[in-house]
Amino acid sequence: MKIVPRPETLLQLFFFVSELICFIQVRCPRLVGKTSLGRHSKLTHAENIALSLYQSVMKQSDVKSYYAFVKGYHLVEFPNLPDYSNFLKQQK
């Protein structure tokens, strides 16, 4: 079965998650984590969460094929998409 990209769903997820994170940062500053040491992620927290949710919406259980799908169809929406190994680390 061929999986058809749904960019409008991805963008809706991203905007919802982004607004939710902003709300939490403003209303509950104690819940916001401290900045971590080391290199910063290429993707924002909202992008990571939206991509994780989109994976379940697209019903892709295999992470490698999902990464190839996102890279092939949604690189415009996520120009800072890291390579596969860093993508795996960020999705944890």
PDB file of N, CA and C in Angstrom:
ATOM      1  N   MET A   1       0.836  -1.172   0.000  1.00  0.00           N
ATOM      2  CA  MET A   1       0.000   0.000   0.000  1.00  0.00           C
ATOM      3  C   MET A   1       0.888   1.245   0.000  1.00  0.00           C
ATOM      4  N   LYS A   2       0.653   2.114  -0.966  1.00  0.00           N
ATOM      5  CA  LYS A   2       1.446   3.337  -1.072  1.00  0.00           C
ATOM      6  C   LYS A   2       0.923   4.366  -0.076  1.00  0.00           C
ATOM      7  N   ILE A   3       1.851   4.978   0.629  1.00  0.00           N
ATOM      8  CA  ILE A   3       1.487   5.988   1.615  1.00  0.00           C
ATOM      9  C   ILE A   3       1.513   7.354   0.937  1.00  0.00           C
ATOM     10  N   VAL A   4       0.426   8.075   1.055  1.00  0.00           N
ATOM     11  CA  VAL A   4       0.296   9.382   0.426  1.00  0.00           C
ATOM     12  C   VAL A   4       0.603  10.461   1.468  1.00  0.00           C
ATOM     13  N   PRO A   5       1.500  11.394   1.128  1.00  0.00           N
ATOM     14  CA  PRO A   5       1.820  12.446   2.084  1.00  0.00           C
ATOM     15  C   PRO A   5       0.610  13.351   2.327  1.00  0.00           C
ATOM     16  N   ARG A   6       0.489  13.808   3.570  1.00  0.00           N
ATOM     17  CA  ARG A   6      -0.599  14.726   3.924  1.00  0.00           C
ATOM     18  C   ARG A   6       0.024  15.937   4.624  1.00  0.00           C
ATOM     19  N   PRO A   7       0.582  16.858   3.825  1.00  0.00           N
ATOM     20  CA  PRO A   7       1.287  17.995   4.429  1.00  0.00           C
ATOM     21  C   PRO A   7       0.389  18.870   5.298  1.00  0.00           C
ATOM     22  N   GLU A   8      -0.907  18.969   4.953  1.00  0.00           N
ATOM     23  CA  GLU A   8      -1.794  19.794   5.771  1.00  0.00           C
ATOM     24  C   GLU A   8      -1.940  19.216   7.179  1.00  0.00           C
ATOM     25  N   THR A   9      -1.953  17.896   7.292  1.00  0.00           N
ATOM     26  CA  THR A   9      -2.030  17.257   8.609  1.00  0.00           C
ATOM     27  C   THR A   9      -0.754  17.508   9.396  1.00  0.00           C
ATOM     28  N   LEU A  10       0.369  17.404   8.734  1.00  0.00           N
ATOM     29  CA  LEU A  10       1.651  17.651   9.386  1.00  0.00           C
ATOM     30  C   LEU A  10       1.738  19.088   9.883  1.00  0.00           C
ATOM     31  N   LEU A  11       1.316  20.036   9.068  1.00  0.00           N
ATOM     32  CA  LEU A  11       1.371  21.434   9.484  1.00  0.00           C
ATOM     33  C   LEU A  11       0.400  21.717  10.628  1.00  0.00           C
ATOM     34  N   GLN A  12      -0.769  21.110  10.601  1.00  0.00           N
ATOM     35  CA  GLN A  12      -1.720  21.279  11.706  1.00  0.00           C
ATOM     36  C   GLN A  12      -1.141  20.728  13.002  1.00  0.00           C
ATOM     37  N   LEU A  13      -0.523  19.562  12.927  1.00  0.00           N
ATOM     38  CA  LEU A  13       0.122  18.984  14.115  1.00  0.00           C
ATOM     39  C   LEU A  13       1.217  19.901  14.643  1.00  0.00           C
ATOM     40  N   PHE A  14       2.039  20.411  13.725  1.00  0.00           N
ATOM     41  CA  PHE A  14       3.136  21.283  14.138  1.00  0.00           C
ATOM     42  C   PHE A  14       2.612  22.541  14.828  1.00  0.00           C
ATOM     43  N   PHE A  15       1.614  23.197  14.244  1.00  0.00           N
ATOM     44  CA  PHE A  15       1.093  24.426  14.838  1.00  0.00           C
ATOM     45  C   PHE A  15       0.437  24.160  16.193  1.00  0.00           C
ATOM     46  N   PHE A  16      -0.280  23.056  16.310  1.00  0.00           N
ATOM     47  CA  PHE A  16      -0.897  22.710  17.581  1.00  0.00           C
ATOM     48  C   PHE A  16       0.162  22.475  18.655  1.00  0.00           C
ATOM     49  N   VAL A  17       1.164  21.674  18.328  1.00  0.00           N
ATOM     50  CA  VAL A  17       2.230  21.357  19.290  1.00  0.00           C
ATOM     51  C   VAL A  17       3.013  22.618  19.646  1.00  0.00           C
ATOM     52  N   SER A  18       3.299  23.453  18.668  1.00  0.00           N
ATOM     53  CA  SER A  18       4.037  24.685  18.905  1.00  0.00           C
ATOM     54  C   SER A  18       3.277  25.600  19.860  1.00  0.00           C
ATOM     55  N   GLU A  19       1.983  25.754  19.640  1.00  0.00           N
ATOM     56  CA  GLU A  19       1.165  26.582  20.528  1.00  0.00           C
ATOM     57  C   GLU A  19       1.085  25.980  21.928  1.00  0.00           C
ATOM     58  N   LEU A  20       0.980  24.676  22.010  1.00  0.00           N
ATOM     59  CA  LEU A  20       0.933  24.005  23.304  1.00  0.00           C
ATOM     60  C   LEU A  20       2.232  24.214  24.084  1.00  0.00           C
ATOM     61  N   ILE A  21       3.355  24.116  23.416  1.00  0.00           N
ATOM     62  CA  ILE A  21       4.647  24.332  24.066  1.00  0.00           C
ATOM     63  C   ILE A  21       4.766  25.783  24.540  1.00  0.00           C
ATOM     64  N   CYS A  22       4.335  26.727  23.717  1.00  0.00           N
ATOM     65  CA  CYS A  22       4.366  28.140  24.128  1.00  0.00           C
ATOM     66  C   CYS A  22       3.475  28.367  25.345  1.00  0.00           C
ATOM     67  N   PHE A  23       2.306  27.758  25.350  1.00  0.00           N
ATOM     68  CA  PHE A  23       1.384  27.886  26.478  1.00  0.00           C
ATOM     69  C   PHE A  23       2.025  27.346  27.761  1.00  0.00           C
ATOM     70  N   ILE A  24       2.653  26.195  27.656  1.00  0.00           N
ATOM     71  CA  ILE A  24       3.302  25.589  28.822  1.00  0.00           C
ATOM     72  C   ILE A  24       4.449  26.469  29.313  1.00  0.00           C
ATOM     73  N   GLN A  25       5.225  27.019  28.403  1.00  0.00           N
ATOM     74  CA  GLN A  25       6.347  27.867  28.796  1.00  0.00           C
ATOM     75  C   GLN A  25       5.870  29.123  29.525  1.00  0.00           C
ATOM     76  N   VAL A  26       4.741  29.669  29.109  1.00  0.00           N
ATOM     77  CA  VAL A  26       4.220  30.885  29.731  1.00  0.00           C
ATOM     78  C   VAL A  26       3.501  30.582  31.040  1.00  0.00           C
ATOM     79  N   ARG A  27       2.644  29.573  31.028  1.00  0.00           N
ATOM     80  CA  ARG A  27       1.788  29.290  32.183  1.00  0.00           C
ATOM     81  C   ARG A  27       2.456  28.439  33.261  1.00  0.00           C
ATOM     82  N   CYS A  28       3.363  27.594  32.864  1.00  0.00           N
ATOM     83  CA  CYS A  28       3.994  26.660  33.813  1.00  0.00           C
ATOM     84  C   CYS A  28       5.508  26.670  33.636  1.00  0.00           C
ATOM     85  N   PRO A  29       6.164  27.760  33.981  1.00  0.00           N
ATOM     86  CA  PRO A  29       7.614  27.834  33.740  1.00  0.00           C
ATOM     87  C   PRO A  29       8.412  26.786  34.501  1.00  0.00           C
ATOM     88  N   ARG A  30       7.838  26.257  35.596  1.00  0.00           N
ATOM     89  CA  ARG A  30       8.560  25.219  36.348  1.00  0.00           C
ATOM     90  C   ARG A  30       8.692  23.929  35.540  1.00  0.00           C
ATOM     91  N   LEU A  31       7.778  23.713  34.584  1.00  0.00           N
ATOM     92  CA  LEU A  31       7.821  22.489  33.782  1.00  0.00           C
ATOM     93  C   LEU A  31       8.844  22.560  32.657  1.00  0.00           C
ATOM     94  N   VAL A  32       9.272  23.761  32.341  1.00  0.00           N
ATOM     95  CA  VAL A  32      10.239  23.930  31.256  1.00  0.00           C
ATOM     96  C   VAL A  32      11.600  23.477  31.754  1.00  0.00           C
ATOM     97  N   GLY A  33      12.212  22.592  31.000  1.00  0.00           N
ATOM     98  CA  GLY A  33      13.508  22.046  31.409  1.00  0.00           C
ATOM     99  C   GLY A  33      14.631  23.050  31.266  1.00  0.00           C
ATOM    100  N   LYS A  34      15.681  22.786  31.973  1.00  0.00           N
ATOM    101  CA  LYS A  34      16.887  23.610  31.866  1.00  0.00           C
ATOM    102  C   LYS A  34      17.556  23.313  30.524  1.00  0.00           C
ATOM    103  N   THR A  35      18.327  24.268  30.056  1.00  0.00           N
ATOM    104  CA  THR A  35      19.048  24.024  28.814  1.00  0.00           C
ATOM    105  C   THR A  35      20.099  22.953  29.058  1.00  0.00           C
ATOM    106  N   SER A  36      20.271  22.088  28.079  1.00  0.00           N
ATOM    107  CA  SER A  36      21.216  20.993  28.237  1.00  0.00           C
ATOM    108  C   SER A  36      22.592  21.383  27.700  1.00  0.00           C
ATOM    109  N   LEU A  37      23.559  20.654  28.139  1.00  0.00           N
ATOM    110  CA  LEU A  37      24.914  20.862  27.651  1.00  0.00           C
ATOM    111  C   LEU A  37      25.065  20.154  26.318  1.00  0.00           C
ATOM    112  N   GLY A  38      26.032  20.573  25.557  1.00  0.00           N
ATOM    113  CA  GLY A  38      26.293  19.913  24.286  1.00  0.00           C
ATOM    114  C   GLY A  38      25.685  20.668  23.116  1.00  0.00           C
ATOM    115  N   ARG A  39      25.764  20.043  21.989  1.00  0.00           N
ATOM    116  CA  ARG A  39      25.273  20.654  20.763  1.00  0.00           C
ATOM    117  C   ARG A  39      23.751  20.709  20.762  1.00  0.00           C
ATOM    118  N   HIS A  40      23.217  21.803  20.236  1.00  0.00           N
ATOM    119  CA  HIS A  40      21.768  21.947  20.141  1.00  0.00           C
ATOM    120  C   HIS A  40      21.222  21.107  18.996  1.00  0.00           C
ATOM    121  N   SER A  41      19.995  20.669  19.151  1.00  0.00           N
ATOM    122  CA  SER A  41      19.322  19.883  18.123  1.00  0.00           C
ATOM    123  C   SER A  41      19.025  20.759  16.915  1.00  0.00           C
ATOM    124  N   LYS A  42      19.048  20.171  15.741  1.00  0.00           N
ATOM    125  CA  LYS A  42      18.685  20.906  14.536  1.00  0.00           C
ATOM    126  C   LYS A  42      17.186  21.160  14.486  1.00  0.00           C
ATOM    127  N   LEU A  43      16.415  20.256  15.059  1.00  0.00           N
ATOM    128  CA  LEU A  43      14.962  20.403  15.086  1.00  0.00           C
ATOM    129  C   LEU A  43      14.518  20.960  16.436  1.00  0.00           C
ATOM    130  N   THR A  44      13.455  21.741  16.418  1.00  0.00           N
ATOM    131  CA  THR A  44      12.900  22.260  17.669  1.00  0.00           C
ATOM    132  C   THR A  44      12.112  21.148  18.360  1.00  0.00           C
ATOM    133  N   HIS A  45      11.740  21.394  19.613  1.00  0.00           N
ATOM    134  CA  HIS A  45      10.920  20.420  20.335  1.00  0.00           C
ATOM    135  C   HIS A  45       9.590  20.216  19.607  1.00  0.00           C
ATOM    136  N   ALA A  46       9.014  21.309  19.122  1.00  0.00           N
ATOM    137  CA  ALA A  46       7.729  21.219  18.414  1.00  0.00           C
ATOM    138  C   ALA A  46       7.864  20.382  17.149  1.00  0.00           C
ATOM    139  N   GLU A  47       8.955  20.545  16.420  1.00  0.00           N
ATOM    140  CA  GLU A  47       9.170  19.754  15.207  1.00  0.00           C
ATOM    141  C   GLU A  47       9.327  18.273  15.538  1.00  0.00           C
ATOM    142  N   ASN A  48      10.105  17.974  16.575  1.00  0.00           N
ATOM    143  CA  ASN A  48      10.294  16.576  16.973  1.00  0.00           C
ATOM    144  C   ASN A  48       8.981  15.916  17.373  1.00  0.00           C
ATOM    145  N   ILE A  49       8.201  16.607  18.189  1.00  0.00           N
ATOM    146  CA  ILE A  49       6.927  16.042  18.644  1.00  0.00           C
ATOM    147  C   ILE A  49       5.961  15.896  17.472  1.00  0.00           C
ATOM    148  N   ALA A  50       5.897  16.901  16.610  1.00  0.00           N
ATOM    149  CA  ALA A  50       5.003  16.832  15.447  1.00  0.00           C
ATOM    150  C   ALA A  50       5.384  15.666  14.532  1.00  0.00           C
ATOM    151  N   LEU A  51       6.672  15.465  14.324  1.00  0.00           N
ATOM    152  CA  LEU A  51       7.106  14.341  13.484  1.00  0.00           C
ATOM    153  C   LEU A  51       6.769  12.998  14.119  1.00  0.00           C
ATOM    154  N   SER A  52       6.880  12.912  15.436  1.00  0.00           N
ATOM    155  CA  SER A  52       6.517  11.667  16.121  1.00  0.00           C
ATOM    156  C   SER A  52       5.016  11.389  15.998  1.00  0.00           C
ATOM    157  N   LEU A  53       4.215  12.422  16.191  1.00  0.00           N
ATOM    158  CA  LEU A  53       2.763  12.253  16.052  1.00  0.00           C
ATOM    159  C   LEU A  53       2.381  11.921  14.611  1.00  0.00           C
ATOM    160  N   TYR A  54       3.035  12.565  13.667  1.00  0.00           N
ATOM    161  CA  TYR A  54       2.750  12.331  12.245  1.00  0.00           C
ATOM    162  C   TYR A  54       3.080  10.893  11.855  1.00  0.00           C
ATOM    163  N   GLN A  55       4.105  10.335  12.469  1.00  0.00           N
ATOM    164  CA  GLN A  55       4.457   8.939  12.185  1.00  0.00           C
ATOM    165  C   GLN A  55       3.305   8.017  12.554  1.00  0.00           C
ATOM    166  N   SER A  56       2.657   8.285  13.686  1.00  0.00           N
ATOM    167  CA  SER A  56       1.527   7.430  14.073  1.00  0.00           C
ATOM    168  C   SER A  56       0.311   7.689  13.195  1.00  0.00           C
ATOM    169  N   VAL A  57       0.119   8.923  12.760  1.00  0.00           N
ATOM    170  CA  VAL A  57      -0.993   9.238  11.854  1.00  0.00           C
ATOM    171  C   VAL A  57      -0.798   8.526  10.517  1.00  0.00           C
ATOM    172  N   MET A  58       0.450   8.499  10.056  1.00  0.00           N
ATOM    173  CA  MET A  58       0.744   7.873   8.762  1.00  0.00           C
ATOM    174  C   MET A  58       0.853   6.356   8.879  1.00  0.00           C
ATOM    175  N   LYS A  59       0.744   5.836  10.093  1.00  0.00           N
ATOM    176  CA  LYS A  59       0.780   4.389  10.349  1.00  0.00           C
ATOM    177  C   LYS A  59       2.055   3.740   9.808  1.00  0.00           C
ATOM    178  N   GLN A  60       3.175   4.395  10.096  1.00  0.00           N
ATOM    179  CA  GLN A  60       4.473   3.858   9.693  1.00  0.00           C
ATOM    180  C   GLN A  60       5.176   3.336  10.935  1.00  0.00           C
ATOM    181  N   SER A  61       5.306   2.028  11.031  1.00  0.00           N
ATOM    182  CA  SER A  61       5.962   1.451  12.202  1.00  0.00           C
ATOM    183  C   SER A  61       7.476   1.381  12.034  1.00  0.00           C
ATOM    184  N   ASP A  62       7.945   1.308  10.811  1.00  0.00           N
ATOM    185  CA  ASP A  62       9.380   1.218  10.534  1.00  0.00           C
ATOM    186  C   ASP A  62       9.972   2.632  10.476  1.00  0.00           C
ATOM    187  N   VAL A  63      10.864   2.942  11.395  1.00  0.00           N
ATOM    188  CA  VAL A  63      11.416   4.294  11.502  1.00  0.00           C
ATOM    189  C   VAL A  63      12.246   4.652  10.277  1.00  0.00           C
ATOM    190  N   LYS A  64      12.980   3.701   9.755  1.00  0.00           N
ATOM    191  CA  LYS A  64      13.847   3.993   8.605  1.00  0.00           C
ATOM    192  C   LYS A  64      13.039   4.378   7.367  1.00  0.00           C
ATOM    193  N   SER A  65      11.971   3.648   7.097  1.00  0.00           N
ATOM    194  CA  SER A  65      11.141   4.001   5.943  1.00  0.00           C
ATOM    195  C   SER A  65      10.382   5.301   6.202  1.00  0.00           C
ATOM    196  N   TYR A  66      10.011   5.553   7.466  1.00  0.00           N
ATOM    197  CA  TYR A  66       9.351   6.818   7.796  1.00  0.00           C
ATOM    198  C   TYR A  66      10.309   7.988   7.573  1.00  0.00           C
ATOM    199  N   TYR A  67      11.564   7.839   7.984  1.00  0.00           N
ATOM    200  CA  TYR A  67      12.555   8.889   7.775  1.00  0.00           C
ATOM    201  C   TYR A  67      12.724   9.165   6.273  1.00  0.00           C
ATOM    202  N   ALA A  68      12.818   8.107   5.476  1.00  0.00           N
ATOM    203  CA  ALA A  68      12.948   8.274   4.023  1.00  0.00           C
ATOM    204  C   ALA A  68      11.717   8.979   3.455  1.00  0.00           C
ATOM    205  N   PHE A  69      10.542   8.649   3.985  1.00  0.00           N
ATOM    206  CA  PHE A  69       9.293   9.281   3.552  1.00  0.00           C
ATOM    207  C   PHE A  69       9.321  10.778   3.868  1.00  0.00           C
ATOM    208  N   VAL A  70       9.699  11.134   5.095  1.00  0.00           N
ATOM    209  CA  VAL A  70       9.747  12.548   5.488  1.00  0.00           C
ATOM    210  C   VAL A  70      10.793  13.283   4.665  1.00  0.00           C
ATOM    211  N   LYS A  71      11.935  12.675   4.485  1.00  0.00           N
ATOM    212  CA  LYS A  71      13.004  13.304   3.708  1.00  0.00           C
ATOM    213  C   LYS A  71      12.590  13.491   2.249  1.00  0.00           C
ATOM    214  N   GLY A  72      11.840  12.540   1.716  1.00  0.00           N
ATOM    215  CA  GLY A  72      11.421  12.627   0.325  1.00  0.00           C
ATOM    216  C   GLY A  72      10.274  13.598   0.077  1.00  0.00           C
ATOM    217  N   TYR A  73       9.347  13.671   1.009  1.00  0.00           N
ATOM    218  CA  TYR A  73       8.137  14.458   0.774  1.00  0.00           C
ATOM    219  C   TYR A  73       8.035  15.735   1.605  1.00  0.00           C
ATOM    220  N   HIS A  74       8.753  15.836   2.706  1.00  0.00           N
ATOM    221  CA  HIS A  74       8.564  16.977   3.605  1.00  0.00           C
ATOM    222  C   HIS A  74       9.843  17.730   3.929  1.00  0.00           C
ATOM    223  N   LEU A  75      10.813  17.674   3.048  1.00  0.00           N
ATOM    224  CA  LEU A  75      12.064  18.393   3.278  1.00  0.00           C
ATOM    225  C   LEU A  75      11.851  19.906   3.235  1.00  0.00           C
ATOM    226  N   VAL A  76      10.847  20.358   2.494  1.00  0.00           N
ATOM    227  CA  VAL A  76      10.537  21.790   2.443  1.00  0.00           C
ATOM    228  C   VAL A  76      10.058  22.270   3.804  1.00  0.00           C
ATOM    229  N   GLU A  77       9.202  21.460   4.459  1.00  0.00           N
ATOM    230  CA  GLU A  77       8.685  21.828   5.769  1.00  0.00           C
ATOM    231  C   GLU A  77       9.739  21.703   6.864  1.00  0.00           C
ATOM    232  N   PHE A  78      10.695  20.796   6.682  1.00  0.00           N
ATOM    233  CA  PHE A  78      11.745  20.551   7.673  1.00  0.00           C
ATOM    234  C   PHE A  78      13.118  20.631   7.009  1.00  0.00           C
ATOM    235  N   PRO A  79      13.555  21.838   6.657  1.00  0.00           N
ATOM    236  CA  PRO A  79      14.849  21.964   5.971  1.00  0.00           C
ATOM    237  C   PRO A  79      16.039  21.587   6.861  1.00  0.00           C
ATOM    238  N   ASN A  80      15.849  21.600   8.171  1.00  0.00           N
ATOM    239  CA  ASN A  80      16.937  21.245   9.095  1.00  0.00           C
ATOM    240  C   ASN A  80      16.876  19.790   9.532  1.00  0.00           C
ATOM    241  N   LEU A  81      16.209  18.954   8.764  1.00  0.00           N
ATOM    242  CA  LEU A  81      16.097  17.539   9.099  1.00  0.00           C
ATOM    243  C   LEU A  81      17.502  16.925   9.185  1.00  0.00           C
ATOM    244  N   PRO A  82      17.844  16.350  10.337  1.00  0.00           N
ATOM    245  CA  PRO A  82      19.197  15.789  10.489  1.00  0.00           C
ATOM    246  C   PRO A  82      19.343  14.472   9.720  1.00  0.00           C
ATOM    247  N   ASP A  83      20.545  13.941   9.702  1.00  0.00           N
ATOM    248  CA  ASP A  83      20.738  12.643   9.079  1.00  0.00           C
ATOM    249  C   ASP A  83      20.030  11.575   9.930  1.00  0.00           C
ATOM    250  N   TYR A  84      19.963  10.376   9.403  1.00  0.00           N
ATOM    251  CA  TYR A  84      19.152   9.327  10.020  1.00  0.00           C
ATOM    252  C   TYR A  84      19.572   9.008  11.458  1.00  0.00           C
ATOM    253  N   SER A  85      20.873   8.889  11.713  1.00  0.00           N
ATOM    254  CA  SER A  85      21.317   8.519  13.056  1.00  0.00           C
ATOM    255  C   SER A  85      20.966   9.606  14.081  1.00  0.00           C
ATOM    256  N   ASN A  86      21.118  10.866  13.712  1.00  0.00           N
ATOM    257  CA  ASN A  86      20.737  11.947  14.630  1.00  0.00           C
ATOM    258  C   ASN A  86      19.228  12.069  14.762  1.00  0.00           C
ATOM    259  N   PHE A  87      18.501  11.742  13.711  1.00  0.00           N
ATOM    260  CA  PHE A  87      17.038  11.732  13.770  1.00  0.00           C
ATOM    261  C   PHE A  87      16.571  10.717  14.810  1.00  0.00           C
ATOM    262  N   LEU A  88      17.199   9.553  14.814  1.00  0.00           N
ATOM    263  CA  LEU A  88      16.852   8.522  15.813  1.00  0.00           C
ATOM    264  C   LEU A  88      17.107   9.012  17.232  1.00  0.00           C
ATOM    265  N   LYS A  89      18.229   9.658  17.448  1.00  0.00           N
ATOM    266  CA  LYS A  89      18.556  10.164  18.794  1.00  0.00           C
ATOM    267  C   LYS A  89      17.548  11.203  19.249  1.00  0.00           C
ATOM    268  N   GLN A  90      17.100  12.056  18.335  1.00  0.00           N
ATOM    269  CA  GLN A  90      16.181  13.124  18.700  1.00  0.00           C
ATOM    270  C   GLN A  90      14.767  12.627  18.919  1.00  0.00           C
ATOM    271  N   GLN A  91      14.417  11.510  18.344  1.00  0.00           N
ATOM    272  CA  GLN A  91      13.065  10.981  18.481  1.00  0.00           C
ATOM    273  C   GLN A  91      12.858  10.236  19.790  1.00  0.00           C
ATOM    274  N   LYS A  92      13.875  10.068  20.589  1.00  0.00           N
ATOM    275  CA  LYS A  92      13.745   9.359  21.869  1.00  0.00           C
ATOM    276  C   LYS A  92      13.095  10.241  22.898  1.00  0.00           C
TER     277      LYS A  92
END
